[in-house]
Amino acid sequence: MYSAKMTSTSNVRILVNPKITSDQLFSFYVRNNVCEQGFGKKVAAKILSHSDLVVAAFEGDKLLGVATAVFDGLSADIMEFCLGLEYQGRGSKEKNGSIVEKDSFGIGKKMGRILIKQLIKMGATFIEASIVEGREERFYESIGLVHNAGVLSYYLDRRPYVLNKTHPGIPGHRSTISSEPIVCATLVKEGRVLLVRHSDREKPDYGNWILPAGKVEPGEDLEKALHREIMEEVGLRIKTVKKLTEHADPYTGHRLLNFLCLPLTSRIKLSPELTRATWYNLDRIQKLRSIHPALRRFLVDVLRRDSSGDA
């Protein structure tokens, strides 16, 4: 899934402080499951204007990786180092572009060496990076950093997508998914999928087409919560076919569980929280503007598999 079709890196450009648009950056975050997508495009793009140094890799206009650092005149911190999953290679555990587990094409190493060189030219005498233990040591050593034995990291983390407990697989690493689960339904009928729009202007997804969804009550069974929420949102009885995905919601960072469902009734009764509910076919979804690009790609894939009988 994440193996790139690349036989040469001769077309890859490593640029210092390049012009990166918010669309380019956010598209990169979404493609590579980088948790900052949970902030939304506008907020996530702040790193471009608030960093003292940005190094990025491009193939044509496609952003392959990005690294940022801040510098106080003496010391520097590498704040973010992301490398596209397809350019990391097979076998990564976390499936998160901001955790560089592998560097199969050497793109990350080239970026890192340039980043370090530029920071030294700026006057940095101490350069530090916080990494994920058990995953990134080899990569950071490849760009010239060494383990600072005995140093402990203290932090205050108020990001909306952070789970307040340690990740079960990585010592000291925190999950990128909020603890409050949300269930949503990919409702498919005759080659169409049901999308809705919120009425609340304060909702982060206001104005965009989304899947009908809702929060799971404490102790509530996931499937029962799904059926309850869909009845409350659009007044439909449904049949759950299977779980499709589990990831961080790009608007809120909440843990989002997506289920493929079939409608058992046809009359839609909208909740006051919604303004519209519409069945969209593949062609119309591909042309929709007011939809998260990751959701569009996901639904296009679902409807194509549905039309071929593989859903």
Protein backbone atom coordinates (compact mmCIF):
# COMPACT_ATOMS: atom_id res chain seq x y z
CA MET A 1 0.00 0.00 0.00
CA TYR A 2 2.77 2.42 0.88
CA SER A 3 5.43 1.31 -1.62
CA ALA A 4 6.23 4.08 -4.08
CA LYS A 5 6.78 3.45 -7.77
CA MET A 6 10.15 5.21 -7.80
CA THR A 7 13.26 3.89 -9.52
CA SER A 8 15.30 7.09 -9.19
CA THR A 9 15.38 10.12 -6.93
CA SER A 10 16.89 12.32 -9.65
CA ASN A 11 13.60 14.23 -10.02
CA VAL A 12 13.33 14.92 -6.28
CA ARG A 13 14.19 18.48 -5.23
CA ILE A 14 15.15 19.35 -1.64
CA LEU A 15 14.39 23.04 -1.06
CA VAL A 16 15.16 25.38 1.83
CA ASN A 17 12.32 27.67 2.92
CA PRO A 18 10.26 26.92 -0.21
CA LYS A 19 6.83 28.33 -0.92
CA ILE A 20 4.38 25.68 0.30
CA THR A 21 0.67 26.40 0.04
CA SER A 22 -1.73 25.46 2.82
CA ASP A 23 -3.45 23.14 0.31
CA GLN A 24 -0.18 21.33 -0.45
CA LEU A 25 0.63 20.89 3.23
CA PHE A 26 -2.84 19.77 4.26
CA SER A 27 -3.09 17.34 1.35
CA PHE A 28 0.24 15.87 2.47
CA TYR A 29 -1.03 15.54 6.05
CA VAL A 30 -4.21 13.79 4.93
CA ARG A 31 -2.42 11.41 2.53
CA ASN A 32 0.02 10.40 5.24
CA ASN A 33 -2.25 10.28 8.29
CA VAL A 34 -0.36 13.08 10.05
CA CYS A 35 -2.28 13.99 13.19
CA GLU A 36 -2.11 17.78 12.58
CA GLN A 37 -4.84 17.30 9.99
CA GLY A 38 -7.15 17.24 13.00
CA PHE A 39 -6.67 21.01 13.36
CA GLY A 40 -8.00 21.71 9.88
CA LYS A 41 -6.15 23.31 6.96
CA LYS A 42 -5.96 26.89 8.20
CA VAL A 43 -4.55 26.13 11.66
CA ALA A 44 -2.24 23.34 10.48
CA ALA A 45 -0.61 25.74 8.01
CA LYS A 46 0.64 27.95 10.87
CA ILE A 47 3.86 25.94 10.99
CA LEU A 48 4.82 27.46 7.64
CA SER A 49 4.82 31.02 8.96
CA HIS A 50 5.99 30.35 12.53
CA SER A 51 9.06 28.20 11.83
CA ASP A 52 12.55 29.69 11.49
CA LEU A 53 13.56 27.03 8.98
CA VAL A 54 11.59 24.79 6.63
CA VAL A 55 13.13 22.10 4.44
CA ALA A 56 10.89 20.21 2.03
CA ALA A 57 11.16 17.54 -0.66
CA PHE A 58 9.21 17.78 -3.90
CA GLU A 59 8.71 15.70 -7.00
CA GLY A 60 7.19 18.20 -9.40
CA ASP A 61 4.51 19.95 -7.33
CA LYS A 62 3.96 16.95 -5.08
CA LEU A 63 5.14 17.42 -1.50
CA LEU A 64 7.05 14.29 -0.40
CA GLY A 65 8.30 15.42 2.99
CA VAL A 66 8.64 18.46 5.23
CA ALA A 67 10.83 19.32 8.21
CA THR A 68 10.63 22.44 10.39
CA ALA A 69 12.84 23.92 13.10
CA VAL A 70 12.89 26.89 15.47
CA PHE A 71 16.09 28.72 16.44
CA ASP A 72 16.66 31.09 19.39
CA GLY A 73 20.09 32.35 18.38
CA LEU A 74 22.06 29.54 20.02
CA SER A 75 19.95 26.39 20.18
CA ALA A 76 17.54 24.83 17.70
CA ASP A 77 14.68 22.37 17.98
CA ILE A 78 13.51 20.20 15.12
CA MET A 79 9.78 20.62 15.64
CA GLU A 80 8.47 18.36 12.90
CA PHE A 81 9.96 15.86 10.48
CA CYS A 82 7.51 14.20 8.12
CA LEU A 83 8.20 11.82 5.26
CA GLY A 84 5.49 10.42 3.03
CA LEU A 85 4.57 6.84 3.92
CA GLU A 86 5.04 5.64 0.34
CA TYR A 87 8.64 6.93 0.45
CA GLN A 88 9.37 5.35 3.80
CA GLY A 89 8.79 1.89 2.36
CA ARG A 90 7.05 -1.25 3.51
CA GLY A 91 6.87 -2.46 7.08
CA SER A 92 6.20 0.72 9.04
CA LYS A 93 4.22 0.05 12.20
CA GLU A 94 2.55 3.38 12.88
CA LYS A 95 1.34 4.36 9.38
CA ASN A 96 1.92 8.01 10.30
CA GLY A 97 4.07 10.24 8.10
CA SER A 98 5.31 12.25 11.10
CA ILE A 99 6.99 9.12 12.50
CA VAL A 100 9.95 8.33 10.23
CA GLU A 101 10.50 4.62 10.75
CA LYS A 102 12.13 3.92 7.39
CA ASP A 103 13.78 5.93 4.62
CA SER A 104 13.89 3.49 1.71
CA PHE A 105 14.83 6.05 -0.94
CA GLY A 106 17.14 8.20 1.20
CA ILE A 107 14.93 11.27 0.78
CA GLY A 108 14.58 11.81 4.51
CA LYS A 109 18.33 11.56 5.05
CA LYS A 110 18.95 14.21 2.36
CA MET A 111 16.37 16.49 3.95
CA GLY A 112 17.82 15.94 7.43
CA ARG A 113 21.40 16.60 6.41
CA ILE A 114 20.38 19.85 4.70
CA LEU A 115 18.29 20.85 7.73
CA ILE A 116 21.24 20.30 10.10
CA LYS A 117 23.66 22.11 7.77
CA GLN A 118 21.36 25.13 7.51
CA LEU A 119 20.85 25.31 11.29
CA ILE A 120 24.61 25.27 11.84
CA LYS A 121 25.02 28.05 9.26
CA MET A 122 22.39 30.03 11.19
CA GLY A 123 24.58 29.72 14.31
CA ALA A 124 23.01 26.78 16.16
CA THR A 125 25.41 25.17 18.64
CA PHE A 126 22.87 22.70 20.02
CA ILE A 127 20.22 20.92 17.93
CA GLU A 128 17.58 18.70 19.50
CA ALA A 129 14.67 16.54 18.32
CA SER A 130 12.02 14.59 20.22
CA ILE A 131 11.50 11.18 18.63
CA VAL A 132 9.30 8.13 19.10
CA GLU A 133 11.20 5.52 21.09
CA GLY A 134 11.57 2.17 19.38
CA ARG A 135 10.68 3.58 15.96
CA GLU A 136 12.86 6.50 14.85
CA GLU A 137 16.31 6.02 16.40
CA ARG A 138 17.94 4.68 13.25
CA PHE A 139 16.66 7.51 11.07
CA TYR A 140 17.76 10.33 13.39
CA GLU A 141 21.18 8.74 13.79
CA SER A 142 21.45 8.70 9.97
CA ILE A 143 21.16 12.50 9.85
CA GLY A 144 23.87 13.01 12.46
CA LEU A 145 22.06 13.16 15.82
CA VAL A 146 22.99 11.02 18.84
CA HIS A 147 21.01 9.82 21.84
CA ASN A 148 21.19 12.27 24.75
CA ALA A 149 21.29 9.65 27.49
CA GLY A 150 19.69 10.54 30.80
CA VAL A 151 17.61 13.44 29.48
CA LEU A 152 13.90 13.35 30.29
CA SER A 153 11.25 15.16 28.29
CA TYR A 154 8.53 17.14 30.07
CA TYR A 155 5.58 18.61 28.24
CA LEU A 156 2.09 20.04 28.38
CA ASP A 157 -0.02 18.71 25.51
CA ARG A 158 -3.31 20.47 24.75
CA ARG A 159 -3.76 19.24 21.19
CA PRO A 160 -7.41 18.24 20.55
CA TYR A 161 -6.57 14.85 19.09
CA VAL A 162 -4.35 13.56 21.90
CA LEU A 163 -5.52 10.60 23.97
CA ASN A 164 -4.78 10.97 27.68
CA LYS A 165 -3.02 7.63 28.02
CA THR A 166 0.09 6.01 26.60
CA HIS A 167 0.00 4.15 23.32
CA PRO A 168 0.00 0.39 24.07
CA GLY A 169 2.71 -0.32 21.52
CA ILE A 170 5.15 2.54 22.03
CA PRO A 171 6.61 3.39 25.46
CA GLY A 172 5.95 7.01 26.31
CA HIS A 173 4.20 7.75 23.00
CA ARG A 174 0.73 9.24 23.01
CA SER A 175 -1.97 8.29 20.59
CA THR A 176 -3.14 10.75 17.94
CA ILE A 177 -6.79 9.87 18.46
CA SER A 178 -9.07 11.45 21.07
CA SER A 179 -10.68 9.11 23.59
CA GLU A 180 -14.28 10.08 22.81
CA PRO A 181 -15.47 7.68 20.07
CA ILE A 182 -17.76 8.66 17.22
CA VAL A 183 -19.58 6.18 14.98
CA CYS A 184 -20.51 7.06 11.43
CA ALA A 185 -22.34 5.27 8.63
CA THR A 186 -21.31 4.90 5.02
CA LEU A 187 -24.87 4.28 3.86
CA VAL A 188 -24.90 2.83 0.35
CA LYS A 189 -27.99 2.39 -1.82
CA GLU A 190 -28.05 1.62 -5.55
CA GLY A 191 -24.61 3.05 -6.20
CA ARG A 192 -25.17 6.16 -4.07
CA VAL A 193 -24.03 7.21 -0.62
CA LEU A 194 -25.85 9.43 1.88
CA LEU A 195 -24.13 12.70 2.86
CA VAL A 196 -25.36 15.36 5.27
CA ARG A 197 -24.59 18.94 6.28
CA HIS A 198 -24.61 20.47 9.77
CA SER A 199 -26.71 23.52 10.62
CA ASP A 200 -24.48 24.70 13.49
CA ARG A 201 -22.02 27.32 12.25
CA GLU A 202 -19.76 26.58 15.23
CA LYS A 203 -19.15 23.02 14.04
CA PRO A 204 -15.65 22.61 12.53
CA ASP A 205 -17.16 20.76 9.56
CA TYR A 206 -19.86 23.40 8.93
CA GLY A 207 -20.51 23.90 5.21
CA ASN A 208 -18.98 20.57 4.22
CA TRP A 209 -20.70 17.35 3.23
CA ILE A 210 -20.00 14.62 5.77
CA LEU A 211 -21.24 11.15 6.70
CA PRO A 212 -24.05 10.94 9.28
CA ALA A 213 -22.44 10.30 12.65
CA GLY A 214 -22.73 10.72 16.40
CA LYS A 215 -21.04 10.11 19.74
CA VAL A 216 -21.13 6.81 21.59
CA GLU A 217 -22.59 7.08 25.08
CA PRO A 218 -20.47 5.70 27.98
CA GLY A 219 -20.84 1.92 28.09
CA GLU A 220 -22.95 1.82 24.93
CA ASP A 221 -22.46 -0.94 22.36
CA LEU A 222 -20.93 0.50 19.16
CA GLU A 223 -23.48 -1.00 16.78
CA LYS A 224 -26.41 0.04 18.96
CA ALA A 225 -24.95 3.55 19.13
CA LEU A 226 -24.64 3.61 15.35
CA HIS A 227 -28.28 2.56 14.81
CA ARG A 228 -29.48 5.08 17.41
CA GLU A 229 -27.49 7.95 15.93
CA ILE A 230 -28.59 7.29 12.35
CA MET A 231 -32.22 7.16 13.48
CA GLU A 232 -31.77 10.44 15.35
CA GLU A 233 -29.86 12.14 12.53
CA VAL A 234 -31.79 11.07 9.43
CA GLY A 235 -34.67 8.88 10.65
CA LEU A 236 -33.53 5.71 8.88
CA ARG A 237 -33.41 2.15 10.11
CA ILE A 238 -30.23 0.48 8.93
CA LYS A 239 -28.42 -2.84 8.63
CA THR A 240 -24.73 -2.89 9.58
CA VAL A 241 -22.63 -4.79 7.03
CA LYS A 242 -19.09 -4.38 8.39
CA LYS A 243 -16.61 -1.99 9.97
CA LEU A 244 -14.64 -0.12 7.32
CA THR A 245 -12.11 2.11 9.07
CA GLU A 246 -10.98 3.53 12.40
CA HIS A 247 -8.98 6.77 12.47
CA ALA A 248 -8.87 10.33 13.80
CA ASP A 249 -11.63 12.59 12.53
CA PRO A 250 -9.92 15.28 10.41
CA TYR A 251 -12.13 18.04 11.85
CA THR A 252 -12.18 17.19 15.56
CA GLY A 253 -9.51 14.54 16.17
CA HIS A 254 -12.04 12.24 17.84
CA ARG A 255 -11.72 8.49 17.40
CA LEU A 256 -13.94 7.79 14.39
CA LEU A 257 -15.30 4.33 13.59
CA ASN A 258 -16.83 4.04 10.12
CA PHE A 259 -19.27 1.26 9.24
CA LEU A 260 -20.65 0.17 5.88
CA CYS A 261 -24.43 0.11 6.18
CA LEU A 262 -27.55 -0.52 4.11
CA PRO A 263 -30.81 1.42 4.62
CA LEU A 264 -33.88 -0.64 5.58
CA THR A 265 -36.24 2.32 5.21
CA SER A 266 -36.28 5.15 2.65
CA ARG A 267 -38.02 8.18 4.19
CA ILE A 268 -35.48 10.67 5.54
CA LYS A 269 -36.40 12.76 8.56
CA LEU A 270 -33.71 15.31 9.32
CA SER A 271 -32.51 16.17 12.81
CA PRO A 272 -32.59 19.92 13.65
CA GLU A 273 -28.79 19.67 13.74
CA LEU A 274 -28.73 19.09 9.98
CA THR A 275 -29.73 21.29 7.06
CA ARG A 276 -29.58 18.74 4.24
CA ALA A 277 -29.21 15.06 3.45
CA THR A 278 -28.58 13.93 -0.12
CA TRP A 279 -27.79 10.68 -1.90
CA TYR A 280 -24.71 11.18 -4.13
CA ASN A 281 -23.46 8.89 -6.87
CA LEU A 282 -19.82 8.41 -7.86
CA ASP A 283 -19.81 11.09 -10.56
CA ARG A 284 -21.31 13.76 -8.30
CA ILE A 285 -18.97 12.95 -5.40
CA GLN A 286 -15.96 13.36 -7.67
CA LYS A 287 -17.20 16.85 -8.59
CA LEU A 288 -18.18 17.97 -5.07
CA ARG A 289 -16.17 20.90 -3.74
CA SER A 290 -17.51 21.14 -0.18
CA ILE A 291 -16.14 17.82 1.04
CA HIS A 292 -12.94 16.81 2.81
CA PRO A 293 -10.51 15.42 0.18
CA ALA A 294 -9.80 12.32 2.27
CA LEU A 295 -13.53 11.56 2.52
CA ARG A 296 -13.96 12.07 -1.24
CA ARG A 297 -11.16 9.58 -1.99
CA PHE A 298 -12.58 7.11 0.50
CA LEU A 299 -16.14 7.29 -0.91
CA VAL A 300 -14.93 7.04 -4.51
CA ASP A 301 -13.13 3.83 -3.54
CA VAL A 302 -16.19 2.47 -1.70
CA LEU A 303 -18.58 3.17 -4.60
CA ARG A 304 -16.20 1.73 -7.18
CA ARG A 305 -15.91 -1.47 -5.17
CA ASP A 306 -19.68 -1.50 -4.67
CA SER A 307 -20.26 -1.26 -8.45
CA SER A 308 -17.85 -4.14 -9.01
CA GLY A 309 -19.41 -6.25 -6.25
CA ASP A 310 -16.32 -6.12 -4.00
CA ALA A 311 -17.68 -3.81 -1.27
